[in-house]
């Protein structure tokens, strides 16, 4: 499958999350603040990116994260509502590139770029089984 045939620049999605204690730095690292953890913000950015294009993929195909270039700009406490956005900015044969951002209210708390690669699940599983 060629992503250029099905994915269009400008496709987008957003997700909303109320930050729970288990998504904070302090949950993972003792004696650290209970603020939204950078890897958890990146996870939401990846999920929003997948949401933006998932409905356009052919059966048997998925996307997997291949690149992240993210800046975490500000802390968010437990209970904060975080909105994460993703927009397609480039499409190659097997790679889709996104501009991503995260906001607490109007305040931008994260921004960057993310790429996802097209994967045929059956072929992928066969390759993994051969190892």
N, C-alpha and C. Protein backbone atom coordinates (compact mmCIF):
# COMPACT_ATOMS: atom_id res chain seq x y z
N UNK A 1 0.85 -1.17 0.00
CA UNK A 1 0.00 0.00 0.00
C UNK A 1 0.90 1.24 0.00
N UNK A 2 0.51 2.23 -0.76
CA UNK A 2 1.23 3.51 -0.85
C UNK A 2 0.39 4.56 -0.12
N UNK A 3 0.96 5.12 0.95
CA UNK A 3 0.22 6.10 1.76
C UNK A 3 -0.23 7.30 0.93
N UNK A 4 0.51 7.63 -0.11
CA UNK A 4 0.16 8.80 -0.93
C UNK A 4 -1.19 8.64 -1.62
N UNK A 5 -1.65 7.39 -1.75
CA UNK A 5 -2.94 7.13 -2.40
C UNK A 5 -4.13 7.34 -1.45
N UNK A 6 -3.90 7.34 -0.15
CA UNK A 6 -5.02 7.36 0.79
C UNK A 6 -4.95 8.43 1.88
N UNK A 7 -3.76 8.93 2.16
CA UNK A 7 -3.58 9.90 3.25
C UNK A 7 -3.36 11.28 2.64
N UNK A 8 -4.02 12.28 3.20
CA UNK A 8 -3.93 13.65 2.68
C UNK A 8 -3.34 14.59 3.72
N UNK A 9 -2.53 15.52 3.25
CA UNK A 9 -2.01 16.57 4.13
C UNK A 9 -3.20 17.32 4.71
N UNK A 10 -3.13 17.61 5.99
CA UNK A 10 -4.20 18.32 6.67
C UNK A 10 -5.11 17.42 7.50
N UNK A 11 -5.09 16.10 7.25
CA UNK A 11 -5.89 15.21 8.11
C UNK A 11 -5.43 15.43 9.54
N UNK A 12 -6.39 15.41 10.48
CA UNK A 12 -6.01 15.73 11.85
C UNK A 12 -6.92 15.02 12.85
N UNK A 13 -6.47 15.04 14.09
CA UNK A 13 -7.26 14.50 15.19
C UNK A 13 -6.78 15.14 16.48
N UNK A 14 -7.61 15.03 17.50
CA UNK A 14 -7.18 15.49 18.82
C UNK A 14 -7.73 14.56 19.87
N UNK A 15 -7.05 14.52 20.99
CA UNK A 15 -7.42 13.70 22.14
C UNK A 15 -7.42 14.58 23.38
N UNK A 16 -8.25 14.22 24.34
CA UNK A 16 -8.29 14.95 25.61
C UNK A 16 -8.07 13.96 26.74
N UNK A 17 -7.27 14.37 27.71
CA UNK A 17 -6.93 13.52 28.85
C UNK A 17 -6.94 14.36 30.11
N UNK A 18 -7.54 13.85 31.17
CA UNK A 18 -7.39 14.45 32.50
C UNK A 18 -6.23 13.69 33.14
N UNK A 19 -5.17 14.40 33.46
CA UNK A 19 -3.92 13.76 33.92
C UNK A 19 -4.17 12.98 35.22
N UNK A 20 -3.99 11.65 35.16
CA UNK A 20 -4.13 10.83 36.37
C UNK A 20 -2.75 10.67 37.05
N UNK A 21 -2.73 10.31 38.32
CA UNK A 21 -1.45 10.12 39.02
C UNK A 21 -0.51 9.14 38.32
N UNK A 22 -1.07 8.11 37.69
CA UNK A 22 -0.21 7.10 37.06
C UNK A 22 0.45 7.55 35.76
N UNK A 23 0.18 8.77 35.33
CA UNK A 23 0.85 9.33 34.14
C UNK A 23 1.82 10.45 34.53
N UNK A 24 2.24 10.48 35.77
CA UNK A 24 3.16 11.52 36.23
C UNK A 24 4.57 10.99 36.41
N UNK A 25 5.52 11.90 36.42
CA UNK A 25 6.92 11.54 36.66
C UNK A 25 7.06 10.89 38.03
N UNK A 26 6.39 11.46 39.03
CA UNK A 26 6.47 10.94 40.39
C UNK A 26 5.96 9.52 40.52
N UNK A 27 5.08 9.11 39.65
CA UNK A 27 4.59 7.72 39.66
C UNK A 27 5.70 6.76 39.25
N UNK A 28 6.53 7.18 38.32
CA UNK A 28 7.58 6.31 37.77
C UNK A 28 8.92 6.44 38.49
N UNK A 29 9.20 7.64 39.03
CA UNK A 29 10.51 7.92 39.63
C UNK A 29 10.29 8.46 41.04
N UNK A 30 10.74 7.72 42.06
CA UNK A 30 10.56 8.18 43.44
C UNK A 30 11.14 9.58 43.67
N UNK A 31 10.45 10.33 44.50
CA UNK A 31 10.87 11.68 44.92
C UNK A 31 10.81 12.72 43.81
N UNK A 32 10.16 12.41 42.70
CA UNK A 32 9.99 13.40 41.62
C UNK A 32 8.59 14.00 41.74
N UNK A 33 8.38 15.19 41.16
CA UNK A 33 7.07 15.84 41.25
C UNK A 33 5.97 15.04 40.54
N UNK A 34 4.77 15.20 41.04
CA UNK A 34 3.60 14.55 40.44
C UNK A 34 3.06 15.43 39.31
N UNK A 35 3.85 15.54 38.24
CA UNK A 35 3.47 16.31 37.05
C UNK A 35 3.48 15.38 35.84
N UNK A 36 2.68 15.74 34.85
CA UNK A 36 2.54 14.98 33.61
C UNK A 36 3.92 14.63 33.04
N UNK A 37 4.15 13.35 32.83
CA UNK A 37 5.45 12.86 32.37
C UNK A 37 5.61 13.04 30.86
N UNK A 38 6.78 13.43 30.44
CA UNK A 38 7.05 13.63 29.01
C UNK A 38 6.73 12.40 28.17
N UNK A 39 7.15 11.19 28.57
CA UNK A 39 6.80 10.02 27.74
C UNK A 39 5.29 9.81 27.60
N UNK A 40 4.53 10.20 28.62
CA UNK A 40 3.07 10.06 28.56
C UNK A 40 2.47 11.09 27.59
N UNK A 41 3.05 12.29 27.55
CA UNK A 41 2.61 13.29 26.58
C UNK A 41 2.91 12.81 25.16
N UNK A 42 4.09 12.25 24.98
CA UNK A 42 4.47 11.73 23.67
C UNK A 42 3.52 10.60 23.26
N UNK A 43 3.16 9.74 24.20
CA UNK A 43 2.20 8.67 23.90
C UNK A 43 0.90 9.24 23.36
N UNK A 44 0.37 10.29 24.00
CA UNK A 44 -0.87 10.90 23.53
C UNK A 44 -0.69 11.52 22.14
N UNK A 45 0.47 12.10 21.88
CA UNK A 45 0.75 12.66 20.55
C UNK A 45 0.77 11.55 19.50
N UNK A 46 1.39 10.42 19.83
CA UNK A 46 1.40 9.29 18.90
C UNK A 46 0.00 8.76 18.67
N UNK A 47 -0.78 8.66 19.74
CA UNK A 47 -2.15 8.15 19.61
C UNK A 47 -3.01 9.09 18.76
N UNK A 48 -2.88 10.39 18.96
CA UNK A 48 -3.63 11.35 18.14
C UNK A 48 -3.22 11.24 16.68
N UNK A 49 -1.95 11.04 16.43
CA UNK A 49 -1.47 10.88 15.05
C UNK A 49 -2.11 9.64 14.41
N UNK A 50 -2.11 8.54 15.14
CA UNK A 50 -2.75 7.33 14.63
C UNK A 50 -4.24 7.53 14.39
N UNK A 51 -4.90 8.25 15.31
CA UNK A 51 -6.34 8.52 15.17
C UNK A 51 -6.63 9.31 13.89
N UNK A 52 -5.73 10.20 13.51
CA UNK A 52 -5.96 11.07 12.35
C UNK A 52 -6.07 10.29 11.04
N UNK A 53 -5.46 9.11 10.98
CA UNK A 53 -5.41 8.38 9.71
C UNK A 53 -5.96 6.96 9.76
N UNK A 54 -6.18 6.43 10.95
CA UNK A 54 -6.58 5.03 11.10
C UNK A 54 -7.77 4.64 10.22
N UNK A 55 -8.77 5.46 10.15
CA UNK A 55 -9.97 5.14 9.38
C UNK A 55 -9.77 5.09 7.88
N UNK A 56 -8.61 5.52 7.42
CA UNK A 56 -8.33 5.54 5.98
C UNK A 56 -7.45 4.38 5.53
N UNK A 57 -6.94 3.60 6.47
CA UNK A 57 -6.05 2.49 6.13
C UNK A 57 -6.86 1.30 5.63
N UNK A 58 -6.25 0.55 4.74
CA UNK A 58 -6.89 -0.66 4.23
C UNK A 58 -6.84 -1.74 5.30
N UNK A 59 -7.79 -2.69 5.28
CA UNK A 59 -7.77 -3.78 6.25
C UNK A 59 -6.42 -4.50 6.22
N UNK A 60 -5.92 -4.86 7.38
CA UNK A 60 -4.65 -5.57 7.47
C UNK A 60 -3.43 -4.66 7.58
N UNK A 61 -3.67 -3.35 7.56
CA UNK A 61 -2.58 -2.37 7.65
C UNK A 61 -2.75 -1.53 8.91
N UNK A 62 -1.63 -1.19 9.54
CA UNK A 62 -1.59 -0.31 10.70
C UNK A 62 -0.41 0.64 10.53
N UNK A 63 -0.29 1.60 11.44
CA UNK A 63 0.92 2.42 11.45
C UNK A 63 1.59 2.26 12.80
N UNK A 64 2.91 2.39 12.79
CA UNK A 64 3.70 2.33 14.01
C UNK A 64 4.58 3.57 14.07
N UNK A 65 4.83 4.05 15.27
CA UNK A 65 5.69 5.21 15.44
C UNK A 65 7.12 4.89 15.03
N UNK A 66 7.73 5.82 14.30
CA UNK A 66 9.11 5.62 13.85
C UNK A 66 10.04 6.75 14.25
N UNK A 67 9.50 7.94 14.51
CA UNK A 67 10.33 9.09 14.88
C UNK A 67 9.54 10.00 15.81
N UNK A 68 10.25 10.60 16.78
CA UNK A 68 9.67 11.66 17.60
C UNK A 68 10.72 12.75 17.80
N UNK A 69 10.27 13.98 17.71
CA UNK A 69 11.10 15.15 17.97
C UNK A 69 10.20 16.12 18.72
N UNK A 70 10.22 16.01 20.05
CA UNK A 70 9.23 16.68 20.88
C UNK A 70 9.92 17.56 21.92
N UNK A 71 9.30 18.72 22.18
CA UNK A 71 9.73 19.60 23.28
C UNK A 71 8.59 19.66 24.29
N UNK A 72 8.92 19.37 25.55
CA UNK A 72 7.94 19.51 26.64
C UNK A 72 8.18 20.88 27.24
N UNK A 73 7.21 21.78 27.07
CA UNK A 73 7.40 23.20 27.37
C UNK A 73 6.99 23.63 28.76
N UNK A 74 6.04 22.92 29.38
CA UNK A 74 5.52 23.35 30.67
C UNK A 74 4.92 22.16 31.42
N UNK A 75 4.95 22.25 32.74
CA UNK A 75 4.41 21.19 33.59
C UNK A 75 2.90 21.30 33.72
N UNK A 76 2.27 20.13 33.92
CA UNK A 76 0.83 20.06 34.19
C UNK A 76 0.63 19.13 35.38
N UNK A 77 -0.21 19.55 36.31
CA UNK A 77 -0.46 18.79 37.52
C UNK A 77 -1.51 17.71 37.33
N UNK A 78 -1.57 16.79 38.27
CA UNK A 78 -2.64 15.79 38.31
C UNK A 78 -3.97 16.54 38.29
N UNK A 79 -4.90 16.07 37.47
CA UNK A 79 -6.22 16.69 37.36
C UNK A 79 -6.33 17.71 36.24
N UNK A 80 -5.19 18.11 35.66
CA UNK A 80 -5.23 19.06 34.55
C UNK A 80 -5.82 18.38 33.32
N UNK A 81 -6.57 19.14 32.53
CA UNK A 81 -7.10 18.64 31.27
C UNK A 81 -6.12 19.03 30.17
N UNK A 82 -5.60 18.00 29.48
CA UNK A 82 -4.62 18.21 28.41
C UNK A 82 -5.25 17.78 27.09
N UNK A 83 -5.17 18.67 26.11
CA UNK A 83 -5.65 18.40 24.75
C UNK A 83 -4.44 18.24 23.85
N UNK A 84 -4.40 17.12 23.13
CA UNK A 84 -3.29 16.81 22.24
C UNK A 84 -3.79 16.81 20.80
N UNK A 85 -3.04 17.46 19.90
CA UNK A 85 -3.44 17.54 18.49
C UNK A 85 -2.36 16.94 17.59
N UNK A 86 -2.80 16.46 16.45
CA UNK A 86 -1.88 15.93 15.43
C UNK A 86 -2.44 16.27 14.06
N UNK A 87 -1.56 16.72 13.16
CA UNK A 87 -1.97 17.07 11.80
C UNK A 87 -0.94 16.53 10.82
N UNK A 88 -1.42 15.88 9.76
CA UNK A 88 -0.53 15.36 8.71
C UNK A 88 0.10 16.54 7.98
N UNK A 89 1.44 16.55 7.89
CA UNK A 89 2.14 17.63 7.19
C UNK A 89 2.92 17.13 5.98
N UNK A 90 3.13 15.81 5.87
CA UNK A 90 3.84 15.25 4.71
C UNK A 90 3.48 13.78 4.59
N UNK A 91 3.43 13.30 3.35
CA UNK A 91 3.11 11.89 3.09
C UNK A 91 4.12 11.35 2.09
N UNK A 92 4.80 10.27 2.49
CA UNK A 92 5.71 9.56 1.61
C UNK A 92 5.09 8.19 1.34
N UNK A 93 5.77 7.36 0.59
CA UNK A 93 5.20 6.06 0.22
C UNK A 93 4.79 5.24 1.45
N UNK A 94 5.66 5.12 2.43
CA UNK A 94 5.37 4.31 3.62
C UNK A 94 5.46 5.10 4.93
N UNK A 95 5.72 6.41 4.86
CA UNK A 95 5.88 7.23 6.06
C UNK A 95 4.90 8.41 6.02
N UNK A 96 4.24 8.65 7.15
CA UNK A 96 3.35 9.80 7.30
C UNK A 96 3.95 10.66 8.40
N UNK A 97 4.11 11.96 8.10
CA UNK A 97 4.72 12.89 9.06
C UNK A 97 3.65 13.84 9.62
N UNK A 98 3.76 14.11 10.92
CA UNK A 98 2.77 14.89 11.65
C UNK A 98 3.42 16.05 12.39
N UNK A 99 2.65 17.11 12.53
CA UNK A 99 2.96 18.19 13.46
C UNK A 99 2.06 17.93 14.66
N UNK A 100 2.64 17.88 15.86
CA UNK A 100 1.88 17.56 17.07
C UNK A 100 2.04 18.66 18.11
N UNK A 101 1.05 18.78 18.97
CA UNK A 101 1.10 19.76 20.05
C UNK A 101 0.22 19.29 21.20
N UNK A 102 0.51 19.82 22.39
CA UNK A 102 -0.31 19.54 23.57
C UNK A 102 -0.59 20.86 24.28
N UNK A 103 -1.80 20.99 24.81
CA UNK A 103 -2.24 22.23 25.44
C UNK A 103 -2.94 21.93 26.76
N UNK A 104 -2.73 22.79 27.73
CA UNK A 104 -3.55 22.83 28.94
C UNK A 104 -4.30 24.14 28.86
N UNK A 105 -5.57 24.08 28.54
CA UNK A 105 -6.32 25.29 28.22
C UNK A 105 -5.72 25.89 26.95
N UNK A 106 -5.39 27.17 26.98
CA UNK A 106 -4.77 27.83 25.82
C UNK A 106 -3.24 27.76 25.87
N UNK A 107 -2.70 27.32 27.00
CA UNK A 107 -1.25 27.28 27.19
C UNK A 107 -0.67 26.05 26.50
N UNK A 108 0.27 26.28 25.59
CA UNK A 108 0.93 25.17 24.91
C UNK A 108 1.95 24.55 25.87
N UNK A 109 1.82 23.23 26.10
CA UNK A 109 2.75 22.55 27.01
C UNK A 109 3.71 21.63 26.27
N UNK A 110 3.46 21.38 24.98
CA UNK A 110 4.34 20.52 24.21
C UNK A 110 4.14 20.73 22.73
N UNK A 111 5.21 20.49 21.96
CA UNK A 111 5.11 20.64 20.51
C UNK A 111 6.20 19.82 19.85
N UNK A 112 6.00 19.54 18.57
CA UNK A 112 7.04 18.83 17.84
C UNK A 112 6.52 18.14 16.60
N UNK A 113 7.30 17.15 16.20
CA UNK A 113 7.00 16.37 15.00
C UNK A 113 7.06 14.88 15.33
N UNK A 114 6.29 14.14 14.57
CA UNK A 114 6.22 12.69 14.77
C UNK A 114 6.03 12.05 13.40
N UNK A 115 6.60 10.86 13.22
CA UNK A 115 6.40 10.11 11.97
C UNK A 115 5.89 8.72 12.30
N UNK A 116 5.03 8.22 11.41
CA UNK A 116 4.50 6.86 11.54
C UNK A 116 4.72 6.12 10.24
N UNK A 117 5.08 4.85 10.35
CA UNK A 117 5.31 4.02 9.18
C UNK A 117 4.18 3.04 8.95
N UNK A 118 3.82 2.84 7.68
CA UNK A 118 2.80 1.86 7.31
C UNK A 118 3.35 0.45 7.45
N UNK A 119 2.56 -0.42 8.04
CA UNK A 119 2.99 -1.80 8.26
C UNK A 119 1.84 -2.73 7.88
N UNK A 120 2.16 -3.75 7.09
CA UNK A 120 1.22 -4.82 6.82
C UNK A 120 1.35 -5.81 7.98
N UNK A 121 0.28 -5.99 8.74
CA UNK A 121 0.33 -6.79 9.97
C UNK A 121 0.76 -8.22 9.69
N UNK A 122 0.23 -8.85 8.65
CA UNK A 122 0.57 -10.24 8.35
C UNK A 122 2.06 -10.38 8.03
N UNK A 123 2.57 -9.51 7.17
CA UNK A 123 4.00 -9.57 6.81
C UNK A 123 4.87 -9.30 8.03
N UNK A 124 4.46 -8.32 8.83
CA UNK A 124 5.21 -7.95 10.03
C UNK A 124 5.30 -9.14 10.99
N UNK A 125 4.16 -9.78 11.24
CA UNK A 125 4.14 -10.93 12.15
C UNK A 125 4.97 -12.08 11.63
N UNK A 126 4.95 -12.32 10.32
CA UNK A 126 5.78 -13.38 9.73
C UNK A 126 7.26 -13.08 9.95
N UNK A 127 7.65 -11.83 9.72
CA UNK A 127 9.05 -11.44 9.92
C UNK A 127 9.48 -11.63 11.37
N UNK A 128 8.62 -11.24 12.30
CA UNK A 128 8.95 -11.41 13.72
C UNK A 128 9.03 -12.86 14.11
N UNK A 129 8.17 -13.69 13.53
CA UNK A 129 8.17 -15.13 13.84
C UNK A 129 9.40 -15.82 13.33
N UNK A 130 10.04 -15.25 12.32
CA UNK A 130 11.23 -15.87 11.73
C UNK A 130 12.47 -15.62 12.58
N UNK A 131 12.41 -14.72 13.54
CA UNK A 131 13.60 -14.38 14.34
C UNK A 131 13.74 -15.27 15.55
